[in-house]
Amino acid sequence: MSTQRKPDFLEEEISAQAVQDYLQANPDFFEHHGTLLNSLSVPHGSGEAVSLVERQVSMLRQKEIKLERRLKDLVEIARANDLLMAKIHELSLQLLATRGLAPTIAAIEEAMRSGFGADEFILVLFGDPVLFDDIDASRFFRIIARADDDLKPFGTFLKANAPRCGQVRDSQRDFLFPSDANEIGSVALVPLGDNTQIGFLAIGSADADRFHPGMSIDYLARIGDLVGGALARY
C-alpha cells in the first residue's frame, strides 16, 4: 500500500515565536478573521478562561484607569504650580514696593511665613554683624562672615551655586534651626546672588519628603533670583 508524504508545512511544528512574528508583521490579521477572536481564550487573573476580545477590553479598561490617575496627578501638579507662581508673583510685587534693607527683609520673612507656608526658615547673609544691628528679624535673620568656620559644613552647597533639596547633616541643621533641629525632616537651600555672594535662604519642613533631591528646583531658583536681586540693592 502506498502512502502519500504529507506537505512539509504539516510536518513542521509552528513555534510560538513564528506565530508572534507573523501577527506583528500582519497587525490587521484579526480584522479579516474577526470570528476567530471569539474562539480564542486566554487565562484570566480569576483563573477562568476568557475570550481574547474580553481580555483586550479588560486590558483597555486597566489602561484607561491608569491614564485617568495620571491625568489627575498632572492636573493637581498644574494647580500647585499655578498657586506657587501666584505666590512668587506676589513676592515680586512686595519686594518692588519696599525701600530699604529692613523692609525688604521683613517682606521676605512675611512671604516665607504666610505666602509659602514654611515650617521653619532662615535668611543667612554674609557680612559684618555690627553693620546690621538696627535690623530686628527675630530668628529668621542671621549675619555671618563668609569665612566663618560655622559655614564649613555648607562648603559643597556654596560652591555649587544652585538650590539643594533633601535631608541635611546634623551640623547643618543645628546651625540653621538650633531650637527646632530635631523637628526638621528636610531642607531646601537657596543661594542668593552670583556665586552665592550675598548669602542663602534655608526653608525647613517637618516632612522628610517635602524637599527631596529629585524634585524640580526651578521655582526655588526663581525665588533665589528675586530675593537676591532685592537684597543686592542695599
Protein backbone atom coordinates (compact mmCIF):
# COMPACT_ATOMS: atom_id res chain seq x y z
CA MET A 1 0.00 0.00 0.00
CA SER A 2 1.40 3.35 -0.96
CA THR A 3 1.27 6.37 1.25
CA GLN A 4 1.49 9.99 0.31
CA ARG A 5 4.05 12.19 2.01
CA LYS A 6 2.42 15.00 3.95
CA PRO A 7 3.35 18.50 2.86
CA ASP A 8 6.30 19.95 4.71
CA PHE A 9 4.17 22.67 6.29
CA LEU A 10 2.10 19.96 8.00
CA GLU A 11 5.16 18.07 9.19
CA GLU A 12 6.84 21.08 10.79
CA GLU A 13 5.61 22.34 14.14
CA ILE A 14 4.96 26.07 14.13
CA SER A 15 6.75 27.76 17.02
CA ALA A 16 5.14 30.37 19.27
CA GLN A 17 7.77 32.85 18.11
CA ALA A 18 6.79 32.24 14.49
CA VAL A 19 3.15 32.98 15.31
CA GLN A 20 4.15 36.12 17.19
CA ASP A 21 6.35 37.29 14.32
CA TYR A 22 3.57 36.69 11.83
CA LEU A 23 0.98 38.62 13.85
CA GLN A 24 3.41 41.50 14.36
CA ALA A 25 4.07 41.59 10.61
CA ASN A 26 0.32 41.43 9.88
CA PRO A 27 -1.40 43.61 12.50
CA ASP A 28 -4.65 43.58 10.51
CA PHE A 29 -4.94 39.78 10.62
CA PHE A 30 -7.85 39.73 13.08
CA GLU A 31 -9.69 42.39 11.09
CA HIS A 32 -10.07 39.81 8.33
CA HIS A 33 -10.66 36.92 10.73
CA GLY A 34 -12.93 38.52 13.31
CA THR A 35 -14.77 35.33 14.22
CA LEU A 36 -11.51 33.80 15.34
CA LEU A 37 -11.26 36.24 18.26
CA ASN A 38 -14.32 34.81 19.97
CA SER A 39 -13.00 31.27 19.71
CA LEU A 40 -9.65 32.09 21.31
CA SER A 41 -9.33 32.07 25.09
CA VAL A 42 -6.58 33.22 27.42
CA PRO A 43 -6.07 32.76 31.18
CA HIS A 44 -7.54 35.44 33.38
CA GLY A 45 -6.44 36.61 36.81
CA SER A 46 -9.50 34.88 38.29
CA GLY A 47 -8.31 31.52 36.99
CA GLU A 48 -11.08 31.30 34.40
CA ALA A 49 -10.54 31.39 30.65
CA VAL A 50 -11.97 34.37 28.81
CA SER A 51 -12.14 35.23 25.14
CA LEU A 52 -9.37 37.28 23.61
CA VAL A 53 -11.85 40.10 22.98
CA GLU A 54 -12.84 40.16 26.66
CA ARG A 55 -9.19 40.15 27.67
CA GLN A 56 -8.47 43.07 25.35
CA VAL A 57 -11.41 45.01 26.77
CA SER A 58 -10.16 44.31 30.30
CA MET A 59 -6.66 45.49 29.41
CA LEU A 60 -8.05 48.64 27.80
CA ARG A 61 -10.05 49.39 30.93
CA GLN A 62 -6.95 48.98 33.08
CA LYS A 63 -5.02 51.33 30.80
CA GLU A 64 -7.88 53.82 30.97
CA ILE A 65 -7.82 53.75 34.78
CA LYS A 66 -4.05 54.33 34.79
CA LEU A 67 -4.41 57.21 32.33
CA GLU A 68 -7.16 58.78 34.43
CA ARG A 69 -4.95 58.59 37.51
CA ARG A 70 -2.04 60.05 35.59
CA LEU A 71 -4.23 62.87 34.27
CA LYS A 72 -5.49 63.58 37.79
CA ASP A 73 -1.90 63.76 39.06
CA LEU A 74 -0.94 66.14 36.24
CA VAL A 75 -3.93 68.38 36.95
CA GLU A 76 -3.02 68.53 40.65
CA ILE A 77 0.59 69.35 39.78
CA ALA A 78 -0.56 72.08 37.40
CA ARG A 79 -2.81 73.60 40.07
CA ALA A 80 0.01 73.52 42.61
CA ASN A 81 2.36 75.17 40.11
CA ASP A 82 -0.20 77.87 39.34
CA LEU A 83 -0.60 78.58 43.04
CA LEU A 84 3.16 78.71 43.52
CA MET A 85 3.57 81.06 40.56
CA ALA A 86 0.94 83.35 42.05
CA LYS A 87 2.86 83.42 45.34
CA ILE A 88 6.11 84.18 43.54
CA HIS A 89 4.37 86.99 41.66
CA GLU A 90 3.05 88.41 44.93
CA LEU A 91 6.55 88.23 46.41
CA SER A 92 7.87 90.13 43.40
CA LEU A 93 5.33 92.92 43.93
CA GLN A 94 6.14 93.14 47.64
CA LEU A 95 9.88 93.36 47.01
CA LEU A 96 9.39 96.02 44.35
CA ALA A 97 7.38 98.11 46.80
CA THR A 98 9.97 98.02 49.59
CA ARG A 99 12.53 100.74 50.22
CA GLY A 100 15.45 99.93 52.48
CA LEU A 101 17.09 96.76 53.75
CA ALA A 102 14.94 96.34 56.88
CA PRO A 103 11.58 96.48 54.98
CA THR A 104 12.99 94.13 52.35
CA ILE A 105 13.97 91.55 54.95
CA ALA A 106 10.58 91.95 56.63
CA ALA A 107 8.84 91.32 53.27
CA ILE A 108 10.88 88.17 52.70
CA GLU A 109 10.06 86.92 56.18
CA GLU A 110 6.35 87.55 55.71
CA ALA A 111 6.37 85.74 52.35
CA MET A 112 8.07 82.69 53.85
CA ARG A 113 5.75 82.65 56.86
CA SER A 114 2.37 83.18 55.24
CA GLY A 115 2.77 83.00 51.47
CA PHE A 116 4.84 79.83 51.22
CA GLY A 117 3.81 78.21 54.48
CA ALA A 118 7.31 77.14 55.53
CA ASP A 119 7.59 75.26 58.83
CA GLU A 120 10.95 76.89 59.54
CA PHE A 121 13.11 79.30 57.55
CA ILE A 122 16.16 81.46 57.95
CA LEU A 123 17.85 84.10 55.84
CA VAL A 124 21.64 83.86 56.13
CA LEU A 125 23.54 86.90 54.86
CA PHE A 126 27.30 87.24 54.61
CA GLY A 127 28.78 90.32 56.21
CA ASP A 128 29.77 92.05 59.43
CA PRO A 129 27.06 91.59 62.10
CA VAL A 130 27.83 95.03 63.54
CA LEU A 131 26.52 96.67 60.37
CA PHE A 132 23.07 95.09 60.85
CA ASP A 133 22.40 95.93 64.48
CA ASP A 134 19.42 98.07 63.54
CA ILE A 135 17.54 95.20 61.90
CA ASP A 136 15.21 93.10 64.04
CA ALA A 137 14.07 89.96 62.28
CA SER A 138 13.98 87.52 65.22
CA ARG A 139 15.18 84.01 64.41
CA PHE A 140 14.60 84.48 60.68
CA PHE A 141 17.65 86.63 60.08
CA ARG A 142 21.32 85.80 60.65
CA ILE A 143 24.50 87.63 59.68
CA ILE A 144 27.79 85.75 59.47
CA ALA A 145 31.17 86.24 57.81
CA ARG A 146 31.62 84.15 54.67
CA ALA A 147 34.87 82.74 56.05
CA ASP A 148 33.35 81.73 59.41
CA ASP A 149 34.11 78.14 60.42
CA ASP A 150 30.42 77.54 61.11
CA LEU A 151 29.85 77.61 57.34
CA LYS A 152 32.30 74.79 56.56
CA PRO A 153 29.53 72.15 56.55
CA PHE A 154 27.92 74.12 53.69
CA GLY A 155 31.10 74.26 51.58
CA THR A 156 29.83 72.00 48.77
CA PHE A 157 26.50 73.82 48.54
CA LEU A 158 28.13 77.27 48.48
CA LYS A 159 30.46 76.25 45.65
CA ALA A 160 27.68 74.66 43.60
CA ASN A 161 25.69 77.93 43.44
CA ALA A 162 22.40 76.05 42.88
CA PRO A 163 19.44 75.15 45.08
CA ARG A 164 19.81 71.94 47.04
CA CYS A 165 16.99 69.84 48.48
CA GLY A 166 16.92 66.89 50.85
CA GLN A 167 17.95 65.88 54.31
CA VAL A 168 20.91 67.72 55.80
CA ARG A 169 23.66 66.77 58.17
CA ASP A 170 23.24 67.34 61.90
CA SER A 171 25.84 70.12 61.88
CA GLN A 172 23.95 71.96 59.13
CA ARG A 173 20.57 71.51 60.80
CA ASP A 174 21.92 72.66 64.16
CA PHE A 175 23.35 75.79 62.54
CA LEU A 176 20.16 76.66 60.67
CA PHE A 177 17.50 75.70 63.20
CA PRO A 178 19.13 75.27 66.61
CA SER A 179 15.87 75.50 68.53
CA ASP A 180 13.93 73.05 66.35
CA ALA A 181 16.66 70.88 64.83
CA ASN A 182 15.00 67.59 65.82
CA GLU A 183 11.73 68.59 64.17
CA ILE A 184 13.23 69.29 60.74
CA GLY A 185 12.91 66.39 58.30
CA SER A 186 14.07 68.02 55.06
CA VAL A 187 15.52 71.34 53.93
CA ALA A 188 15.74 73.45 50.77
CA LEU A 189 18.85 75.62 50.48
CA VAL A 190 18.59 78.51 48.03
CA PRO A 191 21.70 80.52 47.06
CA LEU A 192 21.44 84.31 46.83
CA GLY A 193 23.49 86.33 44.37
CA ASP A 194 26.12 85.28 41.85
CA ASN A 195 28.32 82.55 43.29
CA THR A 196 26.24 82.79 46.48
CA GLN A 197 27.96 86.08 47.33
CA ILE A 198 25.02 87.56 49.26
CA GLY A 199 24.08 84.52 51.34
CA PHE A 200 21.39 81.87 51.19
CA LEU A 201 17.84 81.11 52.22
CA ALA A 202 17.06 77.89 54.10
CA ILE A 203 13.50 76.54 54.19
CA GLY A 204 12.85 73.66 56.58
CA SER A 205 9.97 71.20 56.71
CA ALA A 206 8.93 68.64 59.29
CA ASP A 207 8.07 66.32 56.40
CA ALA A 208 11.14 64.28 55.41
CA ASP A 209 9.81 64.00 51.84
CA ARG A 210 8.78 67.64 51.39
CA PHE A 211 12.17 68.59 49.92
CA HIS A 212 13.96 65.76 48.14
CA PRO A 213 16.87 65.58 45.66
CA GLY A 214 14.61 64.52 42.78
CA MET A 215 12.24 67.49 42.93
CA SER A 216 12.29 70.37 40.49
CA ILE A 217 14.35 73.32 41.68
CA ASP A 218 13.15 75.82 39.06
CA TYR A 219 10.80 77.65 41.40
CA LEU A 220 13.37 77.70 44.18
CA ALA A 221 15.88 79.21 41.75
CA ARG A 222 13.35 81.91 40.82
CA ILE A 223 12.74 82.74 44.46
CA GLY A 224 16.51 82.95 44.94
CA ASP A 225 16.84 85.32 41.98
CA LEU A 226 14.08 87.58 43.33
CA VAL A 227 15.35 87.68 46.90
CA GLY A 228 18.98 88.03 45.84
CA GLY A 229 18.16 90.83 43.42
CA ALA A 230 16.17 92.71 46.07
CA LEU A 231 18.94 92.40 48.68
CA ALA A 232 21.65 93.37 46.19
CA ARG A 233 20.17 96.88 46.07
CA TYR A 234 21.46 97.51 49.58
